[in-house]
N, C-alpha and C. Protein backbone atom coordinates (compact mmCIF):
# COMPACT_ATOMS: atom_id res chain seq x y z
N UNK A 1 129.07 45.88 108.92
CA UNK A 1 129.21 47.10 109.69
C UNK A 1 129.27 48.32 108.77
N UNK A 2 130.08 48.24 107.68
CA UNK A 2 130.18 49.35 106.75
C UNK A 2 128.82 49.64 106.11
N UNK A 3 128.03 48.59 105.85
CA UNK A 3 126.73 48.77 105.24
C UNK A 3 125.80 49.57 106.16
N UNK A 4 125.84 49.27 107.46
CA UNK A 4 125.00 49.98 108.42
C UNK A 4 125.42 51.45 108.52
N UNK A 5 126.72 51.72 108.49
CA UNK A 5 127.20 53.10 108.56
C UNK A 5 126.77 53.86 107.31
N UNK A 6 126.94 53.25 106.15
CA UNK A 6 126.54 53.89 104.90
C UNK A 6 125.03 54.11 104.88
N UNK A 7 124.27 53.11 105.33
CA UNK A 7 122.82 53.24 105.36
C UNK A 7 122.41 54.35 106.32
N UNK A 8 123.08 54.41 107.47
CA UNK A 8 122.77 55.45 108.46
C UNK A 8 123.09 56.84 107.90
N UNK A 9 124.19 56.97 107.19
CA UNK A 9 124.55 58.26 106.58
C UNK A 9 123.54 58.65 105.51
N UNK A 10 123.09 57.68 104.74
CA UNK A 10 122.09 57.95 103.70
C UNK A 10 120.79 58.43 104.33
N UNK A 11 120.36 57.79 105.41
CA UNK A 11 119.13 58.20 106.10
C UNK A 11 119.28 59.61 106.62
N UNK A 12 120.44 59.94 107.21
CA UNK A 12 120.67 61.30 107.71
C UNK A 12 120.65 62.31 106.58
N UNK A 13 121.27 61.96 105.45
CA UNK A 13 121.31 62.86 104.30
C UNK A 13 119.89 63.08 103.76
N UNK A 14 119.12 62.01 103.60
CA UNK A 14 117.75 62.14 103.12
C UNK A 14 116.90 62.94 104.10
N UNK A 15 117.11 62.75 105.38
CA UNK A 15 116.37 63.51 106.38
C UNK A 15 116.71 64.99 106.28
N UNK A 16 117.97 65.31 106.08
CA UNK A 16 118.39 66.71 105.96
C UNK A 16 117.79 67.34 104.70
N UNK A 17 117.79 66.59 103.60
CA UNK A 17 117.21 67.09 102.36
C UNK A 17 115.71 67.33 102.55
N UNK A 18 115.03 66.39 103.20
CA UNK A 18 113.60 66.53 103.44
C UNK A 18 113.32 67.76 104.31
N UNK A 19 114.09 67.94 105.37
CA UNK A 19 113.89 69.10 106.24
C UNK A 19 114.14 70.40 105.48
N UNK A 20 115.17 70.44 104.66
CA UNK A 20 115.46 71.65 103.88
C UNK A 20 114.33 71.93 102.90
N UNK A 21 113.83 70.88 102.25
CA UNK A 21 112.72 71.05 101.31
C UNK A 21 111.48 71.55 102.03
N UNK A 22 111.19 70.96 103.19
CA UNK A 22 110.02 71.37 103.98
C UNK A 22 110.16 72.82 104.41
N UNK A 23 111.33 73.23 104.85
CA UNK A 23 111.55 74.61 105.27
C UNK A 23 111.35 75.57 104.10
N UNK A 24 111.86 75.22 102.94
CA UNK A 24 111.69 76.07 101.76
C UNK A 24 110.23 76.16 101.37
N UNK A 25 109.50 75.05 101.46
CA UNK A 25 108.08 75.06 101.12
C UNK A 25 107.30 75.96 102.06
N UNK A 26 107.64 75.91 103.35
CA UNK A 26 106.94 76.75 104.33
C UNK A 26 107.22 78.22 104.08
N UNK A 27 108.45 78.55 103.75
CA UNK A 27 108.81 79.93 103.46
C UNK A 27 108.05 80.40 102.23
N UNK A 28 108.00 79.55 101.20
CA UNK A 28 107.29 79.92 99.97
C UNK A 28 105.80 80.13 100.25
N UNK A 29 105.20 79.27 101.08
CA UNK A 29 103.79 79.41 101.38
C UNK A 29 103.52 80.68 102.17
N UNK A 30 104.42 81.05 103.06
CA UNK A 30 104.23 82.23 103.88
C UNK A 30 104.51 83.53 103.14
N UNK A 31 105.17 83.45 102.00
CA UNK A 31 105.50 84.66 101.26
C UNK A 31 104.70 84.74 99.96
N UNK A 32 103.45 84.33 100.03
CA UNK A 32 102.58 84.38 98.87
C UNK A 32 102.39 85.81 98.43
N UNK A 33 102.48 86.05 97.15
CA UNK A 33 102.35 87.41 96.61
C UNK A 33 100.91 87.89 96.75
N UNK A 34 100.73 89.21 96.85
CA UNK A 34 99.37 89.75 96.89
C UNK A 34 98.56 89.35 95.66
N UNK A 35 99.21 89.31 94.50
CA UNK A 35 98.51 88.93 93.28
C UNK A 35 97.96 87.50 93.38
N UNK A 36 98.76 86.60 93.91
CA UNK A 36 98.32 85.22 94.02
C UNK A 36 97.18 85.10 95.05
N UNK A 37 97.33 85.79 96.17
CA UNK A 37 96.29 85.75 97.20
C UNK A 37 94.98 86.30 96.67
N UNK A 38 95.04 87.46 96.02
CA UNK A 38 93.83 88.08 95.48
C UNK A 38 93.22 87.22 94.38
N UNK A 39 94.04 86.59 93.56
CA UNK A 39 93.55 85.74 92.49
C UNK A 39 92.79 84.54 93.06
N UNK A 40 93.31 83.95 94.12
CA UNK A 40 92.61 82.83 94.76
C UNK A 40 91.28 83.30 95.35
N UNK A 41 91.29 84.46 95.98
CA UNK A 41 90.05 85.02 96.54
C UNK A 41 89.06 85.33 95.41
N UNK A 42 89.56 85.86 94.30
CA UNK A 42 88.69 86.18 93.16
C UNK A 42 88.04 84.93 92.60
N UNK A 43 88.80 83.85 92.51
CA UNK A 43 88.24 82.62 91.98
C UNK A 43 87.13 82.07 92.89
N UNK A 44 87.30 82.23 94.19
CA UNK A 44 86.26 81.82 95.13
C UNK A 44 85.03 82.71 94.96
N UNK A 45 85.26 84.01 94.84
CA UNK A 45 84.16 84.96 94.67
C UNK A 45 83.41 84.69 93.36
N UNK A 46 84.16 84.44 92.30
CA UNK A 46 83.54 84.15 91.00
C UNK A 46 82.74 82.85 91.03
N UNK A 47 83.17 81.90 91.85
CA UNK A 47 82.44 80.63 91.96
C UNK A 47 81.02 80.85 92.45
N UNK A 48 80.83 81.81 93.37
CA UNK A 48 79.47 82.13 93.84
C UNK A 48 78.63 82.65 92.67
N UNK A 49 79.23 83.49 91.85
CA UNK A 49 78.53 84.02 90.67
C UNK A 49 78.23 82.89 89.69
N UNK A 50 79.20 82.01 89.48
CA UNK A 50 79.00 80.88 88.57
C UNK A 50 77.83 80.01 89.02
N UNK A 51 77.62 79.90 90.32
CA UNK A 51 76.54 79.08 90.87
C UNK A 51 75.22 79.84 90.93
N UNK A 52 75.23 81.10 90.47
CA UNK A 52 74.01 81.89 90.47
C UNK A 52 73.70 82.53 91.82
N UNK A 53 74.64 82.48 92.73
CA UNK A 53 74.44 83.06 94.07
C UNK A 53 74.90 84.52 94.05
N UNK A 54 74.18 85.33 93.29
CA UNK A 54 74.57 86.71 93.06
C UNK A 54 74.52 87.55 94.34
N UNK A 55 73.52 87.33 95.16
CA UNK A 55 73.40 88.09 96.42
C UNK A 55 74.59 87.79 97.33
N UNK A 56 75.03 86.54 97.36
CA UNK A 56 76.18 86.18 98.20
C UNK A 56 77.45 86.85 97.70
N UNK A 57 77.58 86.98 96.39
CA UNK A 57 78.78 87.65 95.85
C UNK A 57 78.80 89.11 96.29
N UNK A 58 77.63 89.75 96.38
CA UNK A 58 77.55 91.13 96.87
C UNK A 58 77.95 91.18 98.35
N UNK A 59 77.44 90.23 99.14
CA UNK A 59 77.74 90.17 100.57
C UNK A 59 79.24 89.98 100.80
N UNK A 60 79.90 89.23 99.94
CA UNK A 60 81.34 88.95 100.09
C UNK A 60 82.23 89.99 99.43
N UNK A 61 81.64 91.05 98.88
CA UNK A 61 82.43 92.09 98.21
C UNK A 61 82.92 93.13 99.22
N UNK A 62 83.79 93.99 98.74
CA UNK A 62 84.36 95.06 99.56
C UNK A 62 83.29 96.08 99.95
N UNK A 63 83.51 96.76 101.05
CA UNK A 63 82.59 97.81 101.50
C UNK A 63 82.44 98.88 100.42
N UNK A 64 83.52 99.21 99.73
CA UNK A 64 83.47 100.20 98.66
C UNK A 64 82.50 99.76 97.56
N UNK A 65 82.56 98.50 97.19
CA UNK A 65 81.68 97.91 96.19
C UNK A 65 80.23 98.00 96.66
N UNK A 66 80.00 97.60 97.90
CA UNK A 66 78.65 97.59 98.46
C UNK A 66 78.07 99.01 98.55
N UNK A 67 78.93 100.00 98.75
CA UNK A 67 78.43 101.38 98.82
C UNK A 67 78.11 101.94 97.42
N UNK A 68 78.67 101.31 96.39
CA UNK A 68 78.46 101.79 95.02
C UNK A 68 77.20 101.21 94.39
N UNK A 69 76.74 100.04 94.85
CA UNK A 69 75.57 99.39 94.26
C UNK A 69 74.85 98.59 95.34
N UNK A 70 73.55 98.64 95.33
CA UNK A 70 72.78 97.86 96.30
C UNK A 70 72.80 96.38 95.91
N UNK A 71 72.51 95.55 96.86
CA UNK A 71 72.44 94.11 96.59
C UNK A 71 71.40 93.82 95.50
N UNK A 72 70.25 94.47 95.60
CA UNK A 72 69.18 94.25 94.61
C UNK A 72 69.59 94.63 93.21
N UNK A 73 70.26 95.78 93.06
CA UNK A 73 70.72 96.23 91.74
C UNK A 73 71.81 95.31 91.21
N UNK A 74 72.68 94.84 92.10
CA UNK A 74 73.74 93.91 91.71
C UNK A 74 73.14 92.61 91.17
N UNK A 75 72.20 92.06 91.90
CA UNK A 75 71.56 90.82 91.48
C UNK A 75 70.86 91.03 90.14
N UNK A 76 70.17 92.13 89.99
CA UNK A 76 69.47 92.45 88.73
C UNK A 76 70.46 92.55 87.56
N UNK A 77 71.58 93.23 87.80
CA UNK A 77 72.59 93.39 86.75
C UNK A 77 73.17 92.04 86.32
N UNK A 78 73.48 91.19 87.29
CA UNK A 78 74.04 89.89 86.95
C UNK A 78 73.01 88.99 86.25
N UNK A 79 71.76 89.11 86.63
CA UNK A 79 70.73 88.32 85.95
C UNK A 79 70.61 88.72 84.48
N UNK A 80 70.83 90.01 84.21
CA UNK A 80 70.73 90.50 82.82
C UNK A 80 71.99 90.20 82.02
N UNK A 81 73.15 90.26 82.66
CA UNK A 81 74.42 90.16 81.93
C UNK A 81 75.06 88.77 82.05
N UNK A 82 75.14 88.24 83.24
CA UNK A 82 75.88 87.01 83.46
C UNK A 82 75.06 85.75 83.19
N UNK A 83 73.82 85.74 83.65
CA UNK A 83 72.98 84.55 83.52
C UNK A 83 72.84 84.06 82.08
N UNK A 84 72.62 84.96 81.09
CA UNK A 84 72.48 84.49 79.70
C UNK A 84 73.73 83.80 79.14
N UNK A 85 74.88 84.01 79.75
CA UNK A 85 76.11 83.38 79.26
C UNK A 85 76.13 81.89 79.51
N UNK A 86 75.33 81.43 80.47
CA UNK A 86 75.27 80.01 80.77
C UNK A 86 76.31 79.59 81.78
N UNK A 87 76.50 78.30 81.87
CA UNK A 87 77.43 77.72 82.85
C UNK A 87 78.87 77.97 82.47
N UNK A 88 79.71 78.00 83.48
CA UNK A 88 81.15 78.13 83.27
C UNK A 88 81.69 76.86 82.62
N UNK A 89 82.49 77.03 81.58
CA UNK A 89 83.19 75.91 80.95
C UNK A 89 84.64 75.91 81.42
N UNK A 90 85.30 77.07 81.35
CA UNK A 90 86.69 77.17 81.81
C UNK A 90 87.00 78.63 82.16
N UNK A 91 88.00 78.78 83.02
CA UNK A 91 88.46 80.12 83.39
C UNK A 91 89.96 80.01 83.68
N UNK A 92 90.74 80.85 82.98
CA UNK A 92 92.19 80.84 83.14
C UNK A 92 92.67 82.26 83.44
N UNK A 93 93.54 82.37 84.41
CA UNK A 93 94.11 83.67 84.75
C UNK A 93 95.01 84.11 83.61
N UNK A 94 94.74 85.29 83.07
CA UNK A 94 95.58 85.85 82.02
C UNK A 94 96.60 86.81 82.62
N UNK A 95 96.15 87.64 83.59
CA UNK A 95 97.07 88.58 84.23
C UNK A 95 96.53 88.98 85.59
N UNK A 96 97.43 89.44 86.43
CA UNK A 96 97.08 89.99 87.75
C UNK A 96 98.13 91.04 88.07
N UNK A 97 97.67 92.27 88.26
CA UNK A 97 98.60 93.37 88.47
C UNK A 97 98.16 94.21 89.65
N UNK A 98 99.12 94.49 90.55
CA UNK A 98 98.83 95.34 91.70
C UNK A 98 98.91 96.80 91.28
N UNK A 99 97.96 97.59 91.79
CA UNK A 99 97.91 99.02 91.49
C UNK A 99 97.58 99.76 92.79
N UNK A 100 97.97 101.04 92.84
CA UNK A 100 97.67 101.83 94.04
C UNK A 100 96.57 102.86 93.79
N UNK A 101 96.20 103.06 92.54
CA UNK A 101 95.10 103.97 92.25
C UNK A 101 94.39 103.52 90.98
N UNK A 102 93.10 103.80 90.98
CA UNK A 102 92.25 103.48 89.82
C UNK A 102 91.34 104.66 89.58
N UNK A 103 90.96 104.92 88.33
CA UNK A 103 90.06 106.04 88.04
C UNK A 103 88.75 105.92 88.81
N UNK A 104 88.38 106.99 89.50
CA UNK A 104 87.12 107.03 90.22
C UNK A 104 87.08 106.28 91.53
N UNK A 105 88.21 105.74 91.96
CA UNK A 105 88.26 104.97 93.21
C UNK A 105 89.28 105.62 94.15
N UNK A 106 89.07 105.43 95.45
CA UNK A 106 90.04 105.99 96.40
C UNK A 106 91.40 105.30 96.27
N UNK A 107 92.46 105.99 96.62
CA UNK A 107 93.78 105.36 96.62
C UNK A 107 93.77 104.19 97.60
N UNK A 108 94.50 103.17 97.28
CA UNK A 108 94.57 101.98 98.11
C UNK A 108 95.37 100.91 97.39
N UNK A 109 95.22 99.69 97.83
CA UNK A 109 95.90 98.56 97.18
C UNK A 109 94.87 97.75 96.42
N UNK A 110 95.09 97.64 95.14
CA UNK A 110 94.17 96.93 94.25
C UNK A 110 94.96 95.87 93.48
N UNK A 111 94.26 94.80 93.14
CA UNK A 111 94.78 93.82 92.19
C UNK A 111 93.75 93.74 91.07
N UNK A 112 94.18 94.07 89.86
CA UNK A 112 93.31 93.98 88.69
C UNK A 112 93.69 92.70 87.96
N UNK A 113 92.70 91.82 87.83
CA UNK A 113 92.93 90.51 87.22
C UNK A 113 92.10 90.36 85.96
N UNK A 114 92.66 89.68 84.99
CA UNK A 114 91.91 89.34 83.80
C UNK A 114 91.91 87.82 83.66
N UNK A 115 90.73 87.31 83.36
CA UNK A 115 90.54 85.88 83.17
C UNK A 115 90.01 85.63 81.77
N UNK A 116 90.62 84.69 81.07
CA UNK A 116 90.06 84.21 79.81
C UNK A 116 89.04 83.15 80.19
N UNK A 117 87.79 83.39 79.84
CA UNK A 117 86.70 82.56 80.32
C UNK A 117 85.84 82.07 79.17
N UNK A 118 85.35 80.86 79.33
CA UNK A 118 84.43 80.28 78.35
C UNK A 118 83.17 79.84 79.09
N UNK A 119 82.03 80.20 78.52
CA UNK A 119 80.73 79.80 79.05
C UNK A 119 80.02 78.97 78.00
N UNK A 120 78.97 78.28 78.40
CA UNK A 120 78.25 77.45 77.45
C UNK A 120 77.67 78.27 76.30
N UNK A 121 77.26 79.51 76.56
CA UNK A 121 76.65 80.33 75.52
C UNK A 121 77.56 81.44 74.99
N UNK A 122 78.77 81.48 75.44
CA UNK A 122 79.78 82.44 74.94
C UNK A 122 81.14 81.78 75.12
N UNK A 123 81.69 81.33 74.00
CA UNK A 123 82.91 80.53 74.06
C UNK A 123 84.14 81.31 74.48
N UNK A 124 84.20 82.60 74.11
CA UNK A 124 85.40 83.39 74.45
C UNK A 124 84.97 84.71 75.09
N UNK A 125 85.27 84.84 76.37
CA UNK A 125 84.96 86.06 77.10
C UNK A 125 86.19 86.48 77.90
N UNK A 126 86.23 87.76 78.25
CA UNK A 126 87.30 88.27 79.10
C UNK A 126 86.64 88.87 80.33
N UNK A 127 86.93 88.30 81.48
CA UNK A 127 86.42 88.85 82.75
C UNK A 127 87.53 89.68 83.38
N UNK A 128 87.19 90.90 83.76
CA UNK A 128 88.12 91.74 84.50
C UNK A 128 87.55 91.87 85.91
N UNK A 129 88.33 91.47 86.88
CA UNK A 129 87.92 91.48 88.28
C UNK A 129 88.93 92.31 89.05
N UNK A 130 88.43 93.28 89.81
CA UNK A 130 89.30 94.11 90.64
C UNK A 130 89.02 93.80 92.10
N UNK A 131 90.06 93.50 92.82
CA UNK A 131 89.96 93.26 94.26
C UNK A 131 90.75 94.34 94.98
N UNK A 132 90.28 94.72 96.15
CA UNK A 132 90.98 95.72 96.94
C UNK A 132 91.27 95.16 98.33
N UNK A 133 92.33 95.69 98.93
CA UNK A 133 92.71 95.26 100.27
C UNK A 133 91.89 96.06 101.27
N UNK A 134 91.08 95.37 102.05
CA UNK A 134 90.23 96.00 103.06
C UNK A 134 91.05 96.34 104.30
N UNK A 135 90.49 97.15 105.16
CA UNK A 135 91.18 97.54 106.41
C UNK A 135 91.50 96.34 107.29
N UNK A 136 90.71 95.27 107.17
CA UNK A 136 90.95 94.08 107.99
C UNK A 136 92.00 93.15 107.38
N UNK A 137 92.62 93.58 106.26
CA UNK A 137 93.67 92.79 105.63
C UNK A 137 93.16 91.76 104.64
N UNK A 138 91.87 91.74 104.36
CA UNK A 138 91.30 90.78 103.41
C UNK A 138 91.17 91.40 102.03
N UNK A 139 91.44 90.61 101.01
CA UNK A 139 91.22 91.03 99.63
C UNK A 139 89.76 90.74 99.28
N UNK A 140 89.04 91.78 98.80
CA UNK A 140 87.63 91.60 98.46
C UNK A 140 87.31 92.30 97.14
N UNK A 141 86.25 91.83 96.50
CA UNK A 141 85.84 92.33 95.19
C UNK A 141 85.47 93.80 95.25
N UNK A 142 85.99 94.56 94.28
CA UNK A 142 85.67 95.98 94.16
C UNK A 142 85.13 96.30 92.77
N UNK A 143 85.24 95.36 91.84
CA UNK A 143 84.74 95.58 90.49
C UNK A 143 84.70 94.31 89.68
N UNK A 144 83.78 94.26 88.72
CA UNK A 144 83.62 93.10 87.86
C UNK A 144 83.09 93.55 86.51
N UNK A 145 83.71 93.05 85.45
CA UNK A 145 83.33 93.45 84.09
C UNK A 145 83.54 92.26 83.17
N UNK A 146 82.56 91.99 82.31
CA UNK A 146 82.69 90.92 81.30
C UNK A 146 82.66 91.53 79.92
N UNK A 147 83.60 91.14 79.08
CA UNK A 147 83.64 91.61 77.70
C UNK A 147 83.62 90.41 76.78
């Protein structure tokens, strides 16, 4: 009888711990930082570029970005700059910082991210990707630079 009571208490305790852990995980998932959200979106956007789908990366960019460069010019620029670098070997987030203003851009919410990146034809590169918060609440590409 004592064994069943102890076992029952242990099951209740483990259930309570599991529920508390699950609740904390849900809270953590729902309170994702803008930097983390934008970084995940940037990695998805960069994947299109890595696959050579330059036109799709323009389509998935912010309206501000699209108004600054045509799809054709964007594709041409990436073919000249990005394509010669070769395939992606690795990409690691170095930093992600939220900003409210950038030179030459309208005030808004921006996340400026830097990635340490390696390509088959350039072992050490630094990609700077700027994402902005659109009116619909989505983070989208507003700038891209490789050094």
